[in-house]
Amino acid sequence: MKHFVYLARCKDNSLYTGTCVDIQAREDKHNAGTGAKYTRAKRPVKIIYFEEFKTLSDARKREAEIKKWSKSKKEELILKIKKPRS
């Protein structure tokens, strides 16, 4: 089974970091108000970045790493994937 770490942009422009096994289902859950408590008052939420892992353990380790970062460092990570490759 694949596991993902994701960054979701909230209505207030904050970023939420989490793990899941289905990106679309997790976004839907956040927007239905049944996801994380943090995102309930910050809807709508859009998952804008994710990384894939083979194990939940690896995904959770990466999630913990990213959660320690500043918002600007998270924004840099997001920008890296949006730049066209030369």
C-alpha atoms as a PDB file:
ATOM      1  CA  MET A   1       0.000   0.000   0.000  1.00  0.00           C
ATOM      2  CA  LYS A   2       1.215   3.510  -0.798  1.00  0.00           C
ATOM      3  CA  HIS A   3       1.356   6.175   1.891  1.00  0.00           C
ATOM      4  CA  PHE A   4       1.577   9.907   1.328  1.00  0.00           C
ATOM      5  CA  VAL A   5       2.751  12.988   3.160  1.00  0.00           C
ATOM      6  CA  TYR A   6       0.901  16.049   1.949  1.00  0.00           C
ATOM      7  CA  LEU A   7       0.713  19.795   2.357  1.00  0.00           C
ATOM      8  CA  ALA A   8      -2.713  21.368   2.161  1.00  0.00           C
ATOM      9  CA  ARG A   9      -3.333  25.073   1.703  1.00  0.00           C
ATOM     10  CA  CYS A  10      -6.165  26.354   3.848  1.00  0.00           C
ATOM     11  CA  LYS A  11      -8.551  29.245   3.179  1.00  0.00           C
ATOM     12  CA  ASP A  12      -6.461  31.527   5.421  1.00  0.00           C
ATOM     13  CA  ASN A  13      -3.326  30.635   3.368  1.00  0.00           C
ATOM     14  CA  SER A  14      -1.857  28.528   6.190  1.00  0.00           C
ATOM     15  CA  LEU A  15      -0.368  25.123   5.430  1.00  0.00           C
ATOM     16  CA  TYR A  16      -1.388  21.850   7.038  1.00  0.00           C
ATOM     17  CA  THR A  17       0.890  18.793   6.890  1.00  0.00           C
ATOM     18  CA  GLY A  18      -0.508  15.274   7.201  1.00  0.00           C
ATOM     19  CA  THR A  19      -0.356  11.665   6.028  1.00  0.00           C
ATOM     20  CA  CYS A  20      -2.883   9.547   4.166  1.00  0.00           C
ATOM     21  CA  VAL A  21      -3.324   6.636   1.745  1.00  0.00           C
ATOM     22  CA  ASP A  22      -5.649   8.428  -0.730  1.00  0.00           C
ATOM     23  CA  ILE A  23      -4.965  12.073  -1.594  1.00  0.00           C
ATOM     24  CA  GLN A  24      -8.388  12.915  -3.059  1.00  0.00           C
ATOM     25  CA  ALA A  25     -10.301  11.154  -0.297  1.00  0.00           C
ATOM     26  CA  ARG A  26      -8.264  13.016   2.325  1.00  0.00           C
ATOM     27  CA  GLU A  27      -8.913  16.384   0.681  1.00  0.00           C
ATOM     28  CA  ASP A  28     -12.625  15.557   0.547  1.00  0.00           C
ATOM     29  CA  LYS A  29     -12.569  14.576   4.219  1.00  0.00           C
ATOM     30  CA  HIS A  30     -10.930  17.869   5.215  1.00  0.00           C
ATOM     31  CA  ASN A  31     -13.480  19.834   3.200  1.00  0.00           C
ATOM     32  CA  ALA A  32     -16.377  17.897   4.708  1.00  0.00           C
ATOM     33  CA  GLY A  33     -15.182  19.019   8.138  1.00  0.00           C
ATOM     34  CA  THR A  34     -14.307  15.496   9.252  1.00  0.00           C
ATOM     35  CA  GLY A  35     -10.549  15.788   8.785  1.00  0.00           C
ATOM     36  CA  ALA A  36      -8.108  17.322  11.224  1.00  0.00           C
ATOM     37  CA  LYS A  37      -9.429  19.718  13.846  1.00  0.00           C
ATOM     38  CA  TYR A  38      -6.993  22.362  12.546  1.00  0.00           C
ATOM     39  CA  THR A  39      -8.595  22.457   9.084  1.00  0.00           C
ATOM     40  CA  ARG A  40     -12.264  22.471  10.160  1.00  0.00           C
ATOM     41  CA  ALA A  41     -12.433  26.244  10.537  1.00  0.00           C
ATOM     42  CA  LYS A  42     -10.090  26.889   7.615  1.00  0.00           C
ATOM     43  CA  ARG A  43     -12.047  25.379   4.745  1.00  0.00           C
ATOM     44  CA  PRO A  44     -11.847  25.055   1.845  1.00  0.00           C
ATOM     45  CA  VAL A  45      -8.618  23.101   1.851  1.00  0.00           C
ATOM     46  CA  LYS A  46      -6.618  22.143  -1.252  1.00  0.00           C
ATOM     47  CA  ILE A  47      -3.828  19.574  -1.210  1.00  0.00           C
ATOM     48  CA  ILE A  48      -1.069  21.232  -3.198  1.00  0.00           C
ATOM     49  CA  TYR A  49       1.923  18.969  -2.582  1.00  0.00           C
ATOM     50  CA  PHE A  50       2.547  15.328  -1.736  1.00  0.00           C
ATOM     51  CA  GLU A  51       5.312  12.739  -1.519  1.00  0.00           C
ATOM     52  CA  GLU A  52       4.831   8.971  -1.808  1.00  0.00           C
ATOM     53  CA  PHE A  53       6.277   6.368   0.589  1.00  0.00           C
ATOM     54  CA  LYS A  54       6.189   2.583   0.783  1.00  0.00           C
ATOM     55  CA  THR A  55       5.486   2.472   4.513  1.00  0.00           C
ATOM     56  CA  LEU A  56       3.420   4.484   6.969  1.00  0.00           C
ATOM     57  CA  SER A  57       6.458   4.677   9.225  1.00  0.00           C
ATOM     58  CA  ASP A  58       8.509   6.407   6.520  1.00  0.00           C
ATOM     59  CA  ALA A  59       5.640   8.781   5.724  1.00  0.00           C
ATOM     60  CA  ARG A  60       5.210   9.718   9.390  1.00  0.00           C
ATOM     61  CA  LYS A  61       8.948  10.350   9.783  1.00  0.00           C
ATOM     62  CA  ARG A  62       8.845  12.748   6.832  1.00  0.00           C
ATOM     63  CA  GLU A  63       5.667  14.376   8.171  1.00  0.00           C
ATOM     64  CA  ALA A  64       7.399  15.025  11.512  1.00  0.00           C
ATOM     65  CA  GLU A  65      10.384  16.525   9.690  1.00  0.00           C
ATOM     66  CA  ILE A  66       8.248  18.873   7.582  1.00  0.00           C
ATOM     67  CA  LYS A  67       6.099  19.941  10.541  1.00  0.00           C
ATOM     68  CA  LYS A  68       9.239  21.340  12.211  1.00  0.00           C
ATOM     69  CA  TRP A  69       9.940  23.607   9.235  1.00  0.00           C
ATOM     70  CA  SER A  70       8.990  27.264   8.952  1.00  0.00           C
ATOM     71  CA  LYS A  71       6.187  28.210   6.589  1.00  0.00           C
ATOM     72  CA  SER A  72       8.714  29.793   4.225  1.00  0.00           C
ATOM     73  CA  LYS A  73      10.681  26.546   3.981  1.00  0.00           C
ATOM     74  CA  LYS A  74       7.454  24.646   3.218  1.00  0.00           C
ATOM     75  CA  GLU A  75       6.637  27.224   0.521  1.00  0.00           C
ATOM     76  CA  GLU A  76      10.081  26.649  -1.014  1.00  0.00           C
ATOM     77  CA  LEU A  77       9.376  22.907  -1.168  1.00  0.00           C
ATOM     78  CA  ILE A  78       6.079  23.587  -2.940  1.00  0.00           C
ATOM     79  CA  LEU A  79       7.730  25.964  -5.430  1.00  0.00           C
ATOM     80  CA  LYS A  80      10.374  23.399  -6.358  1.00  0.00           C
ATOM     81  CA  ILE A  81       7.770  21.086  -7.854  1.00  0.00           C
ATOM     82  CA  LYS A  82       5.993  23.898  -9.734  1.00  0.00           C
ATOM     83  CA  LYS A  83       9.049  25.097 -11.643  1.00  0.00           C
ATOM     84  CA  PRO A  84       9.365  23.759 -15.185  1.00  0.00           C
ATOM     85  CA  ARG A  85      12.347  21.525 -15.746  1.00  0.00           C
ATOM     86  CA  SER A  86      14.935  22.652 -18.281  1.00  0.00           C
END
